[in-house]
């Protein structure tokens, strides 16, 4: 048997070789290399039926995902609204005058006196207010020119 005859029989027989072809395969290194290469190239592939079944199951899994509840859909909006509300309440609470006390403006105008620390606080407040008024006048003059 020649190598060409062996190759032809090997391709047509699809793995079922005759006795003479098997004898030739054991004695010929070229045909052994051909058989190794042929077995690599002709690896069994999955059937089209298997592909179809896998795609069908994947499609079913995609369509049957659990539905999210409506409150899960809008959860992040509630968190954002709560954060905005918290910021607004914080700003409002910081803008309120101190509890149980009068504002430094009212204390300075009424002339009430208290402890030395309290008097220093009022004096500091009045000086700061006066300085801010001066800065405001200067900015107004600069802007007017």
C-alpha atoms as a PDB file:
ATOM      1  CA  UNK A   1       0.000   0.000   0.000  1.00  0.00           C
ATOM      2  CA  UNK A   2       1.287   3.485  -0.851  1.00  0.00           C
ATOM      3  CA  UNK A   3       0.984   6.579   1.303  1.00  0.00           C
ATOM      4  CA  UNK A   4      -1.536   8.112  -1.131  1.00  0.00           C
ATOM      5  CA  UNK A   5      -3.718   4.991  -0.953  1.00  0.00           C
ATOM      6  CA  UNK A   6      -3.504   5.090   2.842  1.00  0.00           C
ATOM      7  CA  UNK A   7      -4.482   8.769   2.976  1.00  0.00           C
ATOM      8  CA  UNK A   8      -7.435   8.165   0.663  1.00  0.00           C
ATOM      9  CA  UNK A   9      -8.641   5.195   2.725  1.00  0.00           C
ATOM     10  CA  UNK A  10      -8.100   7.082   5.981  1.00  0.00           C
ATOM     11  CA  UNK A  11     -10.249  10.003   4.818  1.00  0.00           C
ATOM     12  CA  UNK A  12     -12.996   7.774   3.420  1.00  0.00           C
ATOM     13  CA  UNK A  13     -13.096   5.228   6.247  1.00  0.00           C
ATOM     14  CA  UNK A  14     -13.524   7.821   9.028  1.00  0.00           C
ATOM     15  CA  UNK A  15     -11.378   5.920  11.516  1.00  0.00           C
ATOM     16  CA  UNK A  16     -12.159   2.299  10.474  1.00  0.00           C
ATOM     17  CA  UNK A  17      -9.031   1.153   8.638  1.00  0.00           C
ATOM     18  CA  UNK A  18      -8.470  -2.154   6.868  1.00  0.00           C
ATOM     19  CA  UNK A  19      -5.824  -4.615   8.033  1.00  0.00           C
ATOM     20  CA  UNK A  20      -3.363  -3.618   5.262  1.00  0.00           C
ATOM     21  CA  UNK A  21      -3.842   0.076   6.087  1.00  0.00           C
ATOM     22  CA  UNK A  22      -3.107  -0.617   9.779  1.00  0.00           C
ATOM     23  CA  UNK A  23       0.070  -2.508   8.856  1.00  0.00           C
ATOM     24  CA  UNK A  24       1.173   0.362   6.590  1.00  0.00           C
ATOM     25  CA  UNK A  25       0.426   2.875   9.378  1.00  0.00           C
ATOM     26  CA  UNK A  26       2.688   1.051  11.821  1.00  0.00           C
ATOM     27  CA  UNK A  27       5.593   0.935   9.357  1.00  0.00           C
ATOM     28  CA  UNK A  28       5.362   4.454   7.807  1.00  0.00           C
ATOM     29  CA  UNK A  29       6.298   7.553   9.916  1.00  0.00           C
ATOM     30  CA  UNK A  30       4.791   9.939   7.320  1.00  0.00           C
ATOM     31  CA  UNK A  31       1.414   8.232   7.551  1.00  0.00           C
ATOM     32  CA  UNK A  32       1.620   8.281  11.360  1.00  0.00           C
ATOM     33  CA  UNK A  33       2.154  12.051  11.224  1.00  0.00           C
ATOM     34  CA  UNK A  34      -0.740  12.335   8.752  1.00  0.00           C
ATOM     35  CA  UNK A  35      -3.000  10.373  11.117  1.00  0.00           C
ATOM     36  CA  UNK A  36      -2.070  12.583  14.098  1.00  0.00           C
ATOM     37  CA  UNK A  37      -2.723  15.737  12.078  1.00  0.00           C
ATOM     38  CA  UNK A  38      -5.984  14.340  10.741  1.00  0.00           C
ATOM     39  CA  UNK A  39      -7.193  13.448  14.250  1.00  0.00           C
ATOM     40  CA  UNK A  40      -6.449  16.986  15.444  1.00  0.00           C
ATOM     41  CA  UNK A  41      -8.233  18.596  12.515  1.00  0.00           C
ATOM     42  CA  UNK A  42     -11.254  16.336  12.653  1.00  0.00           C
ATOM     43  CA  UNK A  43     -12.081  16.731  16.334  1.00  0.00           C
ATOM     44  CA  UNK A  44     -15.710  15.936  17.008  1.00  0.00           C
ATOM     45  CA  UNK A  45     -17.868  19.029  17.160  1.00  0.00           C
ATOM     46  CA  UNK A  46     -21.056  19.430  19.182  1.00  0.00           C
ATOM     47  CA  UNK A  47     -24.166  18.573  17.286  1.00  0.00           C
ATOM     48  CA  UNK A  48     -26.454  21.323  16.018  1.00  0.00           C
ATOM     49  CA  UNK A  49     -29.137  19.830  18.271  1.00  0.00           C
ATOM     50  CA  UNK A  50     -26.990  20.555  21.327  1.00  0.00           C
ATOM     51  CA  UNK A  51     -26.460  24.149  20.170  1.00  0.00           C
ATOM     52  CA  UNK A  52     -30.201  24.577  19.649  1.00  0.00           C
ATOM     53  CA  UNK A  53     -31.032  23.209  23.111  1.00  0.00           C
ATOM     54  CA  UNK A  54     -28.442  25.412  24.825  1.00  0.00           C
ATOM     55  CA  UNK A  55     -29.745  28.528  23.074  1.00  0.00           C
ATOM     56  CA  UNK A  56     -33.315  27.567  23.953  1.00  0.00           C
ATOM     57  CA  UNK A  57     -32.467  27.162  27.641  1.00  0.00           C
ATOM     58  CA  UNK A  58     -30.505  30.430  27.642  1.00  0.00           C
ATOM     59  CA  UNK A  59     -33.504  32.195  26.113  1.00  0.00           C
ATOM     60  CA  UNK A  60     -35.788  30.781  28.790  1.00  0.00           C
ATOM     61  CA  UNK A  61     -33.428  31.934  31.523  1.00  0.00           C
ATOM     62  CA  UNK A  62     -33.308  35.445  30.086  1.00  0.00           C
ATOM     63  CA  UNK A  63     -37.080  35.727  29.889  1.00  0.00           C
ATOM     64  CA  UNK A  64     -37.745  34.312  33.339  1.00  0.00           C
ATOM     65  CA  UNK A  65     -35.575  36.569  35.437  1.00  0.00           C
ATOM     66  CA  UNK A  66     -37.304  37.552  38.673  1.00  0.00           C
ATOM     67  CA  UNK A  67     -39.163  40.817  38.449  1.00  0.00           C
ATOM     68  CA  UNK A  68     -38.095  43.652  40.658  1.00  0.00           C
ATOM     69  CA  UNK A  69     -40.755  45.139  42.855  1.00  0.00           C
ATOM     70  CA  UNK A  70     -41.846  48.706  42.202  1.00  0.00           C
ATOM     71  CA  UNK A  71     -40.307  49.943  45.445  1.00  0.00           C
ATOM     72  CA  UNK A  72     -36.973  48.442  44.455  1.00  0.00           C
ATOM     73  CA  UNK A  73     -37.117  50.393  41.199  1.00  0.00           C
ATOM     74  CA  UNK A  74     -37.542  53.768  42.931  1.00  0.00           C
ATOM     75  CA  UNK A  75     -35.433  53.082  46.022  1.00  0.00           C
ATOM     76  CA  UNK A  76     -32.595  55.367  44.932  1.00  0.00           C
ATOM     77  CA  UNK A  77     -35.027  58.286  44.511  1.00  0.00           C
ATOM     78  CA  UNK A  78     -36.084  57.920  48.138  1.00  0.00           C
ATOM     79  CA  UNK A  79     -32.465  57.946  49.262  1.00  0.00           C
ATOM     80  CA  UNK A  80     -31.763  61.090  47.238  1.00  0.00           C
ATOM     81  CA  UNK A  81     -34.853  62.828  48.643  1.00  0.00           C
ATOM     82  CA  UNK A  82     -33.871  61.863  52.189  1.00  0.00           C
ATOM     83  CA  UNK A  83     -30.364  63.264  51.668  1.00  0.00           C
ATOM     84  CA  UNK A  84     -31.737  66.566  50.331  1.00  0.00           C
ATOM     85  CA  UNK A  85     -34.170  66.791  53.239  1.00  0.00           C
ATOM     86  CA  UNK A  86     -31.363  66.154  55.715  1.00  0.00           C
ATOM     87  CA  UNK A  87     -29.244  68.927  54.178  1.00  0.00           C
ATOM     88  CA  UNK A  88     -32.149  71.388  54.215  1.00  0.00           C
ATOM     89  CA  UNK A  89     -32.978  70.619  57.840  1.00  0.00           C
ATOM     90  CA  UNK A  90     -29.324  71.053  58.797  1.00  0.00           C
ATOM     91  CA  UNK A  91     -29.141  74.454  57.094  1.00  0.00           C
ATOM     92  CA  UNK A  92     -32.373  75.516  58.780  1.00  0.00           C
ATOM     93  CA  UNK A  93     -31.191  74.340  62.202  1.00  0.00           C
ATOM     94  CA  UNK A  94     -27.901  76.202  61.833  1.00  0.00           C
ATOM     95  CA  UNK A  95     -29.682  79.409  60.841  1.00  0.00           C
ATOM     96  CA  UNK A  96     -31.819  79.464  64.025  1.00  0.00           C
ATOM     97  CA  UNK A  97     -30.664  81.629  66.968  1.00  0.00           C
ATOM     98  CA  UNK A  98     -29.285  79.799  69.997  1.00  0.00           C
ATOM     99  CA  UNK A  99     -31.973  78.323  72.212  1.00  0.00           C
ATOM    100  CA  UNK A 100     -32.755  80.247  75.389  1.00  0.00           C
ATOM    101  CA  UNK A 101     -30.685  83.273  74.489  1.00  0.00           C
ATOM    102  CA  UNK A 102     -31.101  86.483  72.624  1.00  0.00           C
ATOM    103  CA  UNK A 103     -29.157  87.352  69.545  1.00  0.00           C
ATOM    104  CA  UNK A 104     -26.075  89.553  70.091  1.00  0.00           C
ATOM    105  CA  UNK A 105     -27.785  92.394  68.185  1.00  0.00           C
ATOM    106  CA  UNK A 106     -30.715  92.483  70.600  1.00  0.00           C
ATOM    107  CA  UNK A 107     -28.469  92.249  73.650  1.00  0.00           C
ATOM    108  CA  UNK A 108     -26.287  95.105  72.409  1.00  0.00           C
ATOM    109  CA  UNK A 109     -29.292  97.299  71.642  1.00  0.00           C
ATOM    110  CA  UNK A 110     -31.066  96.606  74.930  1.00  0.00           C
ATOM    111  CA  UNK A 111     -27.961  97.299  77.000  1.00  0.00           C
ATOM    112  CA  UNK A 112     -28.371  94.170  79.110  1.00  0.00           C
ATOM    113  CA  UNK A 113     -25.151  93.013  80.707  1.00  0.00           C
ATOM    114  CA  UNK A 114     -24.156  89.655  82.019  1.00  0.00           C
ATOM    115  CA  UNK A 115     -20.874  88.017  82.787  1.00  0.00           C
ATOM    116  CA  UNK A 116     -17.548  89.376  81.571  1.00  0.00           C
ATOM    117  CA  UNK A 117     -17.317  86.654  78.931  1.00  0.00           C
ATOM    118  CA  UNK A 118     -20.767  87.537  77.717  1.00  0.00           C
ATOM    119  CA  UNK A 119     -19.841  91.227  77.484  1.00  0.00           C
ATOM    120  CA  UNK A 120     -16.694  90.369  75.513  1.00  0.00           C
ATOM    121  CA  UNK A 121     -18.740  88.280  73.108  1.00  0.00           C
ATOM    122  CA  UNK A 122     -21.129  91.165  72.475  1.00  0.00           C
ATOM    123  CA  UNK A 123     -18.246  93.619  72.045  1.00  0.00           C
ATOM    124  CA  UNK A 124     -16.550  91.272  69.582  1.00  0.00           C
ATOM    125  CA  UNK A 125     -19.794  90.880  67.676  1.00  0.00           C
ATOM    126  CA  UNK A 126     -20.319  94.639  67.443  1.00  0.00           C
ATOM    127  CA  UNK A 127     -16.757  95.220  66.259  1.00  0.00           C
ATOM    128  CA  UNK A 128     -17.102  92.521  63.619  1.00  0.00           C
ATOM    129  CA  UNK A 129     -20.412  93.961  62.445  1.00  0.00           C
ATOM    130  CA  UNK A 130     -18.897  97.455  62.262  1.00  0.00           C
ATOM    131  CA  UNK A 131     -15.897  96.157  60.290  1.00  0.00           C
ATOM    132  CA  UNK A 132     -18.177  94.319  57.875  1.00  0.00           C
ATOM    133  CA  UNK A 133     -20.187  97.508  57.327  1.00  0.00           C
ATOM    134  CA  UNK A 134     -16.962  99.414  56.556  1.00  0.00           C
ATOM    135  CA  UNK A 135     -15.848  96.739  54.070  1.00  0.00           C
ATOM    136  CA  UNK A 136     -19.265  96.835  52.431  1.00  0.00           C
ATOM    137  CA  UNK A 137     -19.049 100.641  52.047  1.00  0.00           C
ATOM    138  CA  UNK A 138     -15.573 100.415  50.547  1.00  0.00           C
ATOM    139  CA  UNK A 139     -16.690  97.788  48.037  1.00  0.00           C
ATOM    140  CA  UNK A 140     -19.654  99.956  47.141  1.00  0.00           C
ATOM    141  CA  UNK A 141     -17.350 102.944  46.567  1.00  0.00           C
ATOM    142  CA  UNK A 142     -14.967 100.841  44.466  1.00  0.00           C
ATOM    143  CA  UNK A 143     -17.836  99.524  42.371  1.00  0.00           C
ATOM    144  CA  UNK A 144     -19.272 103.022  41.893  1.00  0.00           C
ATOM    145  CA  UNK A 145     -16.057 104.441  40.486  1.00  0.00           C
END
